[in-house]
Amino acid sequence: MTARQDWVRTGASVSTWPVLLLAAPAGVAIWSGWVGLGELAGFGVVRPLPGIWDDLQLNTAITLPIGMECYAAYALKVWLSGAMPDTARTFARLSAIGALVLGALGQVAYHLMAAAGVTAAPWPVTALVACLPVGVLGMGAALAHLVRAERRDRDEAAQWELADATRAGEREVDERARRELVTILAAHHTLTAAVSRAPRRHTTKPHQPAGENRTTRTSPRSEGGADPVSGAVRWAVGELAAGRTAGWRRIADKRGLSEHHAKKAARTATEQHGTPALRAVERSA
């Protein structure tokens, strides 16, 4: 197992607080060097808001250390983070190295001129120092645009991938639904064909005599389960005894008998009641 693998396995980490101790004296030296170079190159105290705030004064020499060193730190972070795209990291690497080299040259120039007792920087140095704020602003804006553009491209690519996955899922669902619909239709077609080929069963109604009354009739086992003619005979005898007619048609209608059974019941009732009733029955017949 290598030392790096062991470090990753154990989760060991290195404290970064000593960087603060390193940065504090370096920051003081760099700050003083840039401010001194700026004053030699014509940077000085100005009133940024004349007529608005006349008492406000600002030494523009501080813009050099703030701009140069902050941009160098920002470019180093983009370069060494490893999380940025290649285009942004390449630009950050080149511009970070350039910013550090210019910072070192500026410190060298200031200390050489200060040691030589120069009170005003030569014009080439003044021209270069005057262009530094503009150059730092341009490089910082360009690097920020590259970082944001690459992030936007990644976001758009992720959105496109999500949209493609969504469309693929919808197509899969549609295809599954289409297959299920085809299966259902095929099963329905098979069932319909089987039903159409099945033999038909015809139910026939029992034969009914031509002269039989089709109205609802009493059950053959009515009147306590006796012969329906006997019940009709007793009813007809009662009717004859009461002085009413009891022809076979009336018996068939009242007792729900067929013509044959009604005539039989009428003859039997007439025989039991007497001859006058027989004549009444015959007249009604």
C-alpha atoms as a PDB file:
ATOM      1  CA  MET A   1       0.000   0.000   0.000  1.00  0.00           C
ATOM      2  CA  THR A   2       1.390   3.389  -1.005  1.00  0.00           C
ATOM      3  CA  ALA A   3       1.633   6.365   1.311  1.00  0.00           C
ATOM      4  CA  ARG A   4      -1.207   8.140  -0.531  1.00  0.00           C
ATOM      5  CA  GLN A   5      -3.475   5.108  -0.258  1.00  0.00           C
ATOM      6  CA  ASP A   6      -2.694   4.836   3.444  1.00  0.00           C
ATOM      7  CA  TRP A   7      -3.444   8.550   3.892  1.00  0.00           C
ATOM      8  CA  VAL A   8      -6.783   8.179   2.099  1.00  0.00           C
ATOM      9  CA  ARG A   9      -7.662   5.035   4.090  1.00  0.00           C
ATOM     10  CA  THR A  10      -6.906   6.561   7.494  1.00  0.00           C
ATOM     11  CA  GLY A  11      -8.514   9.890   6.609  1.00  0.00           C
ATOM     12  CA  ALA A  12      -5.477  11.849   7.746  1.00  0.00           C
ATOM     13  CA  SER A  13      -5.411  15.565   6.943  1.00  0.00           C
ATOM     14  CA  VAL A  14      -2.873  18.349   7.066  1.00  0.00           C
ATOM     15  CA  SER A  15      -3.733  21.530   8.943  1.00  0.00           C
ATOM     16  CA  THR A  16      -3.711  24.688   6.856  1.00  0.00           C
ATOM     17  CA  TRP A  17      -3.521  27.214   9.676  1.00  0.00           C
ATOM     18  CA  PRO A  18       0.253  27.672   9.227  1.00  0.00           C
ATOM     19  CA  VAL A  19      -0.555  29.359   5.926  1.00  0.00           C
ATOM     20  CA  LEU A  20      -1.943  32.285   7.937  1.00  0.00           C
ATOM     21  CA  LEU A  21       1.439  32.737   9.602  1.00  0.00           C
ATOM     22  CA  LEU A  22       3.111  32.621   6.220  1.00  0.00           C
ATOM     23  CA  ALA A  23       0.658  35.006   4.604  1.00  0.00           C
ATOM     24  CA  ALA A  24       0.759  37.670   7.317  1.00  0.00           C
ATOM     25  CA  PRO A  25       4.402  38.845   6.857  1.00  0.00           C
ATOM     26  CA  ALA A  26       4.263  38.227   3.115  1.00  0.00           C
ATOM     27  CA  GLY A  27       1.118  40.341   2.900  1.00  0.00           C
ATOM     28  CA  VAL A  28       2.762  43.208   4.779  1.00  0.00           C
ATOM     29  CA  ALA A  29       5.849  43.138   2.547  1.00  0.00           C
ATOM     30  CA  ILE A  30       3.840  42.832  -0.682  1.00  0.00           C
ATOM     31  CA  TRP A  31       1.400  45.544   0.386  1.00  0.00           C
ATOM     32  CA  SER A  32       4.172  48.017   1.252  1.00  0.00           C
ATOM     33  CA  GLY A  33       6.085  47.224  -1.940  1.00  0.00           C
ATOM     34  CA  TRP A  34       3.049  47.777  -4.221  1.00  0.00           C
ATOM     35  CA  VAL A  35       2.018  50.941  -2.406  1.00  0.00           C
ATOM     36  CA  GLY A  36       5.564  52.318  -2.607  1.00  0.00           C
ATOM     37  CA  LEU A  37       5.831  51.450  -6.315  1.00  0.00           C
ATOM     38  CA  GLY A  38       2.463  53.070  -6.929  1.00  0.00           C
ATOM     39  CA  GLU A  39       3.561  56.308  -5.276  1.00  0.00           C
ATOM     40  CA  LEU A  40       6.743  56.324  -7.369  1.00  0.00           C
ATOM     41  CA  ALA A  41       4.641  55.734 -10.497  1.00  0.00           C
ATOM     42  CA  GLY A  42       2.255  58.622  -9.836  1.00  0.00           C
ATOM     43  CA  PHE A  43      -0.424  56.905  -7.715  1.00  0.00           C
ATOM     44  CA  GLY A  44      -1.394  58.992  -4.721  1.00  0.00           C
ATOM     45  CA  VAL A  45      -4.097  60.661  -2.723  1.00  0.00           C
ATOM     46  CA  VAL A  46      -7.158  61.700  -4.744  1.00  0.00           C
ATOM     47  CA  ARG A  47     -10.661  62.972  -4.000  1.00  0.00           C
ATOM     48  CA  PRO A  48     -12.985  60.414  -5.680  1.00  0.00           C
ATOM     49  CA  LEU A  49     -16.186  62.454  -5.072  1.00  0.00           C
ATOM     50  CA  PRO A  50     -15.363  66.130  -5.694  1.00  0.00           C
ATOM     51  CA  GLY A  51     -18.315  68.421  -5.163  1.00  0.00           C
ATOM     52  CA  ILE A  52     -20.204  65.610  -3.444  1.00  0.00           C
ATOM     53  CA  TRP A  53     -17.894  64.670  -0.585  1.00  0.00           C
ATOM     54  CA  ASP A  54     -14.905  66.967  -0.669  1.00  0.00           C
ATOM     55  CA  ASP A  55     -13.417  65.607   2.564  1.00  0.00           C
ATOM     56  CA  LEU A  56     -13.257  62.044   1.205  1.00  0.00           C
ATOM     57  CA  GLN A  57      -9.715  61.157   0.162  1.00  0.00           C
ATOM     58  CA  LEU A  58      -8.325  57.884  -1.195  1.00  0.00           C
ATOM     59  CA  ASN A  59      -4.762  56.789  -1.874  1.00  0.00           C
ATOM     60  CA  THR A  60      -4.977  54.967  -5.216  1.00  0.00           C
ATOM     61  CA  ALA A  61      -1.695  53.182  -4.551  1.00  0.00           C
ATOM     62  CA  ILE A  62      -3.643  50.525  -2.575  1.00  0.00           C
ATOM     63  CA  THR A  63      -5.398  49.411  -5.746  1.00  0.00           C
ATOM     64  CA  LEU A  64      -2.214  47.669  -6.927  1.00  0.00           C
ATOM     65  CA  PRO A  65      -1.783  45.131  -4.089  1.00  0.00           C
ATOM     66  CA  ILE A  66      -5.519  44.508  -3.836  1.00  0.00           C
ATOM     67  CA  GLY A  67      -5.976  43.902  -7.546  1.00  0.00           C
ATOM     68  CA  MET A  68      -2.835  41.931  -8.324  1.00  0.00           C
ATOM     69  CA  GLU A  69      -2.674  39.671  -5.290  1.00  0.00           C
ATOM     70  CA  CYS A  70      -6.400  38.976  -5.109  1.00  0.00           C
ATOM     71  CA  TYR A  71      -6.480  37.998  -8.762  1.00  0.00           C
ATOM     72  CA  ALA A  72      -3.417  35.752  -8.343  1.00  0.00           C
ATOM     73  CA  ALA A  73      -5.106  33.944  -5.436  1.00  0.00           C
ATOM     74  CA  TYR A  74      -8.382  33.584  -7.377  1.00  0.00           C
ATOM     75  CA  ALA A  75      -6.627  32.213 -10.475  1.00  0.00           C
ATOM     76  CA  LEU A  76      -4.630  29.764  -8.349  1.00  0.00           C
ATOM     77  CA  LYS A  77      -7.841  28.466  -6.788  1.00  0.00           C
ATOM     78  CA  VAL A  78      -9.472  27.914 -10.197  1.00  0.00           C
ATOM     79  CA  TRP A  79      -6.336  26.252 -11.533  1.00  0.00           C
ATOM     80  CA  LEU A  80      -5.622  23.907  -8.621  1.00  0.00           C
ATOM     81  CA  SER A  81      -9.172  23.074  -7.530  1.00  0.00           C
ATOM     82  CA  GLY A  82      -9.569  20.389 -10.208  1.00  0.00           C
ATOM     83  CA  ALA A  83     -13.325  20.986 -10.295  1.00  0.00           C
ATOM     84  CA  MET A  84     -13.287  23.485 -13.149  1.00  0.00           C
ATOM     85  CA  PRO A  85     -13.362  22.699 -16.864  1.00  0.00           C
ATOM     86  CA  ASP A  86     -10.191  22.519 -18.918  1.00  0.00           C
ATOM     87  CA  THR A  87     -10.639  25.862 -20.674  1.00  0.00           C
ATOM     88  CA  ALA A  88     -11.042  27.816 -17.449  1.00  0.00           C
ATOM     89  CA  ARG A  89      -8.195  25.939 -15.747  1.00  0.00           C
ATOM     90  CA  THR A  90      -5.810  26.600 -18.644  1.00  0.00           C
ATOM     91  CA  PHE A  91      -6.570  30.313 -18.630  1.00  0.00           C
ATOM     92  CA  ALA A  92      -6.304  30.427 -14.829  1.00  0.00           C
ATOM     93  CA  ARG A  93      -2.929  28.651 -14.883  1.00  0.00           C
ATOM     94  CA  LEU A  94      -1.406  31.005 -17.411  1.00  0.00           C
ATOM     95  CA  SER A  95      -2.830  34.158 -15.857  1.00  0.00           C
ATOM     96  CA  ALA A  96      -1.906  33.078 -12.297  1.00  0.00           C
ATOM     97  CA  ILE A  97       1.704  32.500 -13.322  1.00  0.00           C
ATOM     98  CA  GLY A  98       1.728  35.842 -15.137  1.00  0.00           C
ATOM     99  CA  ALA A  99       0.276  37.665 -12.132  1.00  0.00           C
ATOM    100  CA  LEU A 100       2.853  36.130  -9.796  1.00  0.00           C
ATOM    101  CA  VAL A 101       5.686  37.007 -12.186  1.00  0.00           C
ATOM    102  CA  LEU A 102       4.454  40.611 -12.528  1.00  0.00           C
ATOM    103  CA  GLY A 103       4.083  40.835  -8.744  1.00  0.00           C
ATOM    104  CA  ALA A 104       7.647  39.656  -8.269  1.00  0.00           C
ATOM    105  CA  LEU A 105       8.956  42.105 -10.892  1.00  0.00           C
ATOM    106  CA  GLY A 106       7.060  44.939  -9.237  1.00  0.00           C
ATOM    107  CA  GLN A 107       8.607  44.156  -5.861  1.00  0.00           C
ATOM    108  CA  VAL A 108      12.061  43.970  -7.423  1.00  0.00           C
ATOM    109  CA  ALA A 109      11.600  47.289  -9.231  1.00  0.00           C
ATOM    110  CA  TYR A 110      10.395  49.081  -6.109  1.00  0.00           C
ATOM    111  CA  HIS A 111      13.205  47.876  -3.869  1.00  0.00           C
ATOM    112  CA  LEU A 112      15.856  48.672  -6.508  1.00  0.00           C
ATOM    113  CA  MET A 113      14.535  52.211  -6.953  1.00  0.00           C
ATOM    114  CA  ALA A 114      14.111  52.693  -3.188  1.00  0.00           C
ATOM    115  CA  ALA A 115      17.683  51.527  -2.577  1.00  0.00           C
ATOM    116  CA  ALA A 116      18.950  53.861  -5.288  1.00  0.00           C
ATOM    117  CA  GLY A 117      17.033  56.808  -3.808  1.00  0.00           C
ATOM    118  CA  VAL A 118      14.848  57.273  -6.894  1.00  0.00           C
ATOM    119  CA  THR A 119      11.905  59.560  -6.174  1.00  0.00           C
ATOM    120  CA  ALA A 120      10.070  59.015  -9.485  1.00  0.00           C
ATOM    121  CA  ALA A 121       9.918  55.831 -11.509  1.00  0.00           C
ATOM    122  CA  PRO A 122      11.111  55.862 -15.117  1.00  0.00           C
ATOM    123  CA  TRP A 123       8.382  56.272 -17.667  1.00  0.00           C
ATOM    124  CA  PRO A 124       8.399  52.606 -18.879  1.00  0.00           C
ATOM    125  CA  VAL A 125       7.833  51.461 -15.283  1.00  0.00           C
ATOM    126  CA  THR A 126       5.161  54.109 -14.788  1.00  0.00           C
ATOM    127  CA  ALA A 127       3.380  53.065 -18.010  1.00  0.00           C
ATOM    128  CA  LEU A 128       3.440  49.382 -17.036  1.00  0.00           C
ATOM    129  CA  VAL A 129       2.227  50.019 -13.496  1.00  0.00           C
ATOM    130  CA  ALA A 130      -0.568  52.264 -14.788  1.00  0.00           C
ATOM    131  CA  CYS A 131      -1.841  49.444 -17.020  1.00  0.00           C
ATOM    132  CA  LEU A 132      -1.917  46.842 -14.244  1.00  0.00           C
ATOM    133  CA  PRO A 133      -5.399  47.678 -12.824  1.00  0.00           C
ATOM    134  CA  VAL A 134      -6.938  47.531 -16.289  1.00  0.00           C
ATOM    135  CA  GLY A 135      -5.210  44.264 -17.095  1.00  0.00           C
ATOM    136  CA  VAL A 136      -6.230  42.699 -13.781  1.00  0.00           C
ATOM    137  CA  LEU A 137      -9.849  43.728 -14.325  1.00  0.00           C
ATOM    138  CA  GLY A 138      -9.880  42.208 -17.802  1.00  0.00           C
ATOM    139  CA  MET A 139      -8.291  38.915 -16.724  1.00  0.00           C
ATOM    140  CA  GLY A 140     -10.608  38.610 -13.707  1.00  0.00           C
ATOM    141  CA  ALA A 141     -13.714  39.240 -15.809  1.00  0.00           C
ATOM    142  CA  ALA A 142     -12.556  36.786 -18.496  1.00  0.00           C
ATOM    143  CA  LEU A 143     -11.847  34.049 -15.958  1.00  0.00           C
ATOM    144  CA  ALA A 144     -15.203  34.568 -14.241  1.00  0.00           C
ATOM    145  CA  HIS A 145     -17.006  34.358 -17.599  1.00  0.00           C
ATOM    146  CA  LEU A 146     -15.180  31.133 -18.471  1.00  0.00           C
ATOM    147  CA  VAL A 147     -16.085  29.553 -15.143  1.00  0.00           C
ATOM    148  CA  ARG A 148     -19.748  30.565 -15.417  1.00  0.00           C
ATOM    149  CA  ALA A 149     -19.958  29.576 -19.094  1.00  0.00           C
ATOM    150  CA  GLU A 150     -18.569  26.120 -18.391  1.00  0.00           C
ATOM    151  CA  ARG A 151     -20.945  25.679 -15.473  1.00  0.00           C
ATOM    152  CA  ARG A 152     -23.847  26.789 -17.666  1.00  0.00           C
ATOM    153  CA  ASP A 153     -22.793  24.328 -20.349  1.00  0.00           C
ATOM    154  CA  ARG A 154     -22.664  21.517 -17.788  1.00  0.00           C
ATOM    155  CA  ASP A 155     -26.090  22.471 -16.469  1.00  0.00           C
ATOM    156  CA  GLU A 156     -27.524  22.547 -19.982  1.00  0.00           C
ATOM    157  CA  ALA A 157     -25.911  19.201 -20.779  1.00  0.00           C
ATOM    158  CA  ALA A 158     -27.395  17.732 -17.598  1.00  0.00           C
ATOM    159  CA  GLN A 159     -30.807  19.133 -18.515  1.00  0.00           C
ATOM    160  CA  TRP A 160     -30.559  17.655 -22.003  1.00  0.00           C
ATOM    161  CA  GLU A 161     -29.561  14.284 -20.548  1.00  0.00           C
ATOM    162  CA  LEU A 162     -32.504  14.455 -18.145  1.00  0.00           C
ATOM    163  CA  ALA A 163     -34.853  15.391 -20.994  1.00  0.00           C
ATOM    164  CA  ASP A 164     -33.531  12.509 -23.122  1.00  0.00           C
ATOM    165  CA  ALA A 165     -33.976  10.098 -20.233  1.00  0.00           C
ATOM    166  CA  THR A 166     -37.513  11.397 -19.678  1.00  0.00           C
ATOM    167  CA  ARG A 167     -38.405  10.990 -23.343  1.00  0.00           C
ATOM    168  CA  ALA A 168     -36.897   7.509 -23.366  1.00  0.00           C
ATOM    169  CA  GLY A 169     -38.974   6.609 -20.312  1.00  0.00           C
ATOM    170  CA  GLU A 170     -42.124   7.983 -21.945  1.00  0.00           C
ATOM    171  CA  ARG A 171     -41.426   5.995 -25.101  1.00  0.00           C
ATOM    172  CA  GLU A 172     -40.909   2.860 -23.012  1.00  0.00           C
ATOM    173  CA  VAL A 173     -44.190   3.444 -21.193  1.00  0.00           C
ATOM    174  CA  ASP A 174     -46.012   4.063 -24.486  1.00  0.00           C
ATOM    175  CA  GLU A 175     -44.527   0.914 -25.989  1.00  0.00           C
ATOM    176  CA  ARG A 176     -45.532  -1.128 -22.931  1.00  0.00           C
ATOM    177  CA  ALA A 177     -49.068   0.279 -23.081  1.00  0.00           C
ATOM    178  CA  ARG A 178     -49.255  -0.501 -26.811  1.00  0.00           C
ATOM    179  CA  ARG A 179     -48.165  -4.101 -26.212  1.00  0.00           C
ATOM    180  CA  GLU A 180     -50.726  -4.518 -23.434  1.00  0.00           C
ATOM    181  CA  LEU A 181     -53.450  -3.082 -25.677  1.00  0.00           C
ATOM    182  CA  VAL A 182     -52.494  -5.482 -28.481  1.00  0.00           C
ATOM    183  CA  THR A 183     -52.613  -8.377 -26.014  1.00  0.00           C
ATOM    184  CA  ILE A 184     -56.066  -7.357 -24.769  1.00  0.00           C
ATOM    185  CA  LEU A 185     -57.417  -6.961 -28.312  1.00  0.00           C
ATOM    186  CA  ALA A 186     -55.999 -10.340 -29.318  1.00  0.00           C
ATOM    187  CA  ALA A 187     -57.612 -12.005 -26.282  1.00  0.00           C
ATOM    188  CA  HIS A 188     -60.919 -10.314 -27.082  1.00  0.00           C
ATOM    189  CA  HIS A 189     -60.733 -11.450 -30.695  1.00  0.00           C
ATOM    190  CA  THR A 190     -59.956 -15.035 -29.598  1.00  0.00           C
ATOM    191  CA  LEU A 191     -62.846 -15.045 -27.129  1.00  0.00           C
ATOM    192  CA  THR A 192     -65.241 -13.633 -29.730  1.00  0.00           C
ATOM    193  CA  ALA A 193     -64.201 -16.266 -32.252  1.00  0.00           C
ATOM    194  CA  ALA A 194     -64.644 -19.054 -29.692  1.00  0.00           C
ATOM    195  CA  VAL A 195     -68.120 -17.829 -28.790  1.00  0.00           C
ATOM    196  CA  SER A 196     -69.143 -17.587 -32.440  1.00  0.00           C
ATOM    197  CA  ARG A 197     -67.985 -21.190 -33.090  1.00  0.00           C
ATOM    198  CA  ALA A 198     -69.764 -22.598 -30.029  1.00  0.00           C
ATOM    199  CA  PRO A 199     -73.017 -24.584 -30.820  1.00  0.00           C
ATOM    200  CA  ARG A 200     -76.201 -22.709 -30.099  1.00  0.00           C
ATOM    201  CA  ARG A 201     -78.810 -24.276 -27.792  1.00  0.00           C
ATOM    202  CA  HIS A 202     -82.419 -23.589 -28.787  1.00  0.00           C
ATOM    203  CA  THR A 203     -85.040 -23.756 -26.028  1.00  0.00           C
ATOM    204  CA  THR A 204     -88.489 -24.849 -27.237  1.00  0.00           C
ATOM    205  CA  LYS A 205     -91.696 -23.975 -25.521  1.00  0.00           C
ATOM    206  CA  PRO A 206     -94.059 -26.848 -24.691  1.00  0.00           C
ATOM    207  CA  HIS A 207     -96.866 -27.400 -27.163  1.00  0.00           C
ATOM    208  CA  GLN A 208    -100.022 -25.624 -26.236  1.00  0.00           C
ATOM    209  CA  PRO A 209    -103.382 -26.738 -27.623  1.00  0.00           C
ATOM    210  CA  ALA A 210    -104.878 -24.357 -30.139  1.00  0.00           C
ATOM    211  CA  GLY A 211    -108.021 -23.701 -28.200  1.00  0.00           C
ATOM    212  CA  GLU A 212    -106.391 -23.391 -24.758  1.00  0.00           C
ATOM    213  CA  ASN A 213    -106.734 -20.080 -23.027  1.00  0.00           C
ATOM    214  CA  ARG A 214    -103.262 -18.409 -22.800  1.00  0.00           C
ATOM    215  CA  THR A 215    -104.090 -16.438 -19.663  1.00  0.00           C
ATOM    216  CA  THR A 216    -102.471 -17.389 -16.407  1.00  0.00           C
ATOM    217  CA  ARG A 217    -104.122 -20.462 -14.953  1.00  0.00           C
ATOM    218  CA  THR A 218    -104.065 -22.022 -11.585  1.00  0.00           C
ATOM    219  CA  SER A 219    -101.633 -24.804 -10.922  1.00  0.00           C
ATOM    220  CA  PRO A 220    -102.817 -28.331 -11.729  1.00  0.00           C
ATOM    221  CA  ARG A 221    -102.179 -29.216  -8.096  1.00  0.00           C
ATOM    222  CA  SER A 222    -104.079 -26.248  -6.695  1.00  0.00           C
ATOM    223  CA  GLU A 223    -107.007 -26.684  -4.357  1.00  0.00           C
ATOM    224  CA  GLY A 224    -104.874 -28.639  -1.922  1.00  0.00           C
ATOM    225  CA  GLY A 225    -103.310 -30.803  -4.616  1.00  0.00           C
ATOM    226  CA  ALA A 226    -106.651 -32.317  -5.978  1.00  0.00           C
ATOM    227  CA  ASP A 227    -107.704 -32.663  -9.622  1.00  0.00           C
ATOM    228  CA  PRO A 228    -108.468 -29.173 -11.020  1.00  0.00           C
ATOM    229  CA  VAL A 229    -111.715 -30.486 -12.538  1.00  0.00           C
ATOM    230  CA  SER A 230    -113.009 -31.502  -9.075  1.00  0.00           C
ATOM    231  CA  GLY A 231    -112.428 -27.997  -7.722  1.00  0.00           C
ATOM    232  CA  ALA A 232    -114.119 -26.520 -10.762  1.00  0.00           C
ATOM    233  CA  VAL A 233    -117.079 -28.895 -10.309  1.00  0.00           C
ATOM    234  CA  ARG A 234    -117.581 -27.863  -6.701  1.00  0.00           C
ATOM    235  CA  TRP A 235    -117.344 -24.198  -7.702  1.00  0.00           C
ATOM    236  CA  ALA A 236    -119.872 -24.706 -10.545  1.00  0.00           C
ATOM    237  CA  VAL A 237    -122.316 -26.577  -8.273  1.00  0.00           C
ATOM    238  CA  GLY A 238    -122.143 -23.682  -5.839  1.00  0.00           C
ATOM    239  CA  GLU A 239    -122.806 -21.215  -8.611  1.00  0.00           C
ATOM    240  CA  LEU A 240    -125.806 -23.256  -9.867  1.00  0.00           C
ATOM    241  CA  ALA A 241    -127.153 -23.561  -6.357  1.00  0.00           C
ATOM    242  CA  ALA A 242    -126.976 -19.794  -6.040  1.00  0.00           C
ATOM    243  CA  GLY A 243    -129.032 -19.400  -9.192  1.00  0.00           C
ATOM    244  CA  ARG A 244    -126.159 -18.271 -11.402  1.00  0.00           C
ATOM    245  CA  THR A 245    -125.109 -19.814 -14.655  1.00  0.00           C
ATOM    246  CA  ALA A 246    -122.025 -22.019 -14.798  1.00  0.00           C
ATOM    247  CA  GLY A 247    -121.276 -22.620 -18.478  1.00  0.00           C
ATOM    248  CA  TRP A 248    -117.970 -24.055 -19.567  1.00  0.00           C
ATOM    249  CA  ARG A 249    -116.750 -20.717 -20.840  1.00  0.00           C
ATOM    250  CA  ARG A 250    -117.375 -19.097 -17.431  1.00  0.00           C
ATOM    251  CA  ILE A 251    -115.745 -22.043 -15.692  1.00  0.00           C
ATOM    252  CA  ALA A 252    -112.697 -21.811 -17.976  1.00  0.00           C
ATOM    253  CA  ASP A 253    -112.405 -18.087 -17.336  1.00  0.00           C
ATOM    254  CA  LYS A 254    -112.901 -18.227 -13.568  1.00  0.00           C
ATOM    255  CA  ARG A 255    -111.006 -21.418 -12.826  1.00  0.00           C
ATOM    256  CA  GLY A 256    -108.319 -21.135 -15.503  1.00  0.00           C
ATOM    257  CA  LEU A 257    -109.086 -24.449 -17.209  1.00  0.00           C
ATOM    258  CA  SER A 258    -108.794 -25.525 -20.763  1.00  0.00           C
ATOM    259  CA  GLU A 259    -111.911 -25.946 -22.910  1.00  0.00           C
ATOM    260  CA  HIS A 260    -111.837 -29.709 -22.517  1.00  0.00           C
ATOM    261  CA  HIS A 261    -111.574 -29.592 -18.703  1.00  0.00           C
ATOM    262  CA  ALA A 262    -114.126 -26.757 -18.461  1.00  0.00           C
ATOM    263  CA  LYS A 263    -116.751 -28.710 -20.463  1.00  0.00           C
ATOM    264  CA  LYS A 264    -116.075 -31.786 -18.335  1.00  0.00           C
ATOM    265  CA  ALA A 265    -116.500 -29.778 -15.137  1.00  0.00           C
ATOM    266  CA  ALA A 266    -119.716 -28.215 -16.490  1.00  0.00           C
ATOM    267  CA  ARG A 267    -121.257 -31.601 -17.342  1.00  0.00           C
ATOM    268  CA  THR A 268    -120.319 -33.056 -13.958  1.00  0.00           C
ATOM    269  CA  ALA A 269    -121.715 -30.057 -12.073  1.00  0.00           C
ATOM    270  CA  THR A 270    -124.935 -30.209 -14.068  1.00  0.00           C
ATOM    271  CA  GLU A 271    -125.324 -33.904 -13.349  1.00  0.00           C
ATOM    272  CA  GLN A 272    -124.798 -33.316  -9.644  1.00  0.00           C
ATOM    273  CA  HIS A 273    -127.162 -30.307  -9.496  1.00  0.00           C
ATOM    274  CA  GLY A 274    -130.013 -31.576 -11.638  1.00  0.00           C
ATOM    275  CA  THR A 275    -131.711 -31.406 -15.018  1.00  0.00           C
ATOM    276  CA  PRO A 276    -132.682 -27.707 -15.014  1.00  0.00           C
ATOM    277  CA  ALA A 277    -129.069 -26.835 -14.485  1.00  0.00           C
ATOM    278  CA  LEU A 278    -128.147 -29.125 -17.336  1.00  0.00           C
ATOM    279  CA  ARG A 279    -130.413 -27.185 -19.654  1.00  0.00           C
ATOM    280  CA  ALA A 280    -128.864 -23.966 -18.458  1.00  0.00           C
ATOM    281  CA  VAL A 281    -125.446 -25.384 -19.097  1.00  0.00           C
ATOM    282  CA  GLU A 282    -126.472 -26.581 -22.564  1.00  0.00           C
ATOM    283  CA  ARG A 283    -127.937 -23.172 -23.408  1.00  0.00           C
ATOM    284  CA  SER A 284    -124.773 -21.471 -22.291  1.00  0.00           C
ATOM    285  CA  ALA A 285    -122.761 -23.956 -24.330  1.00  0.00           C
END
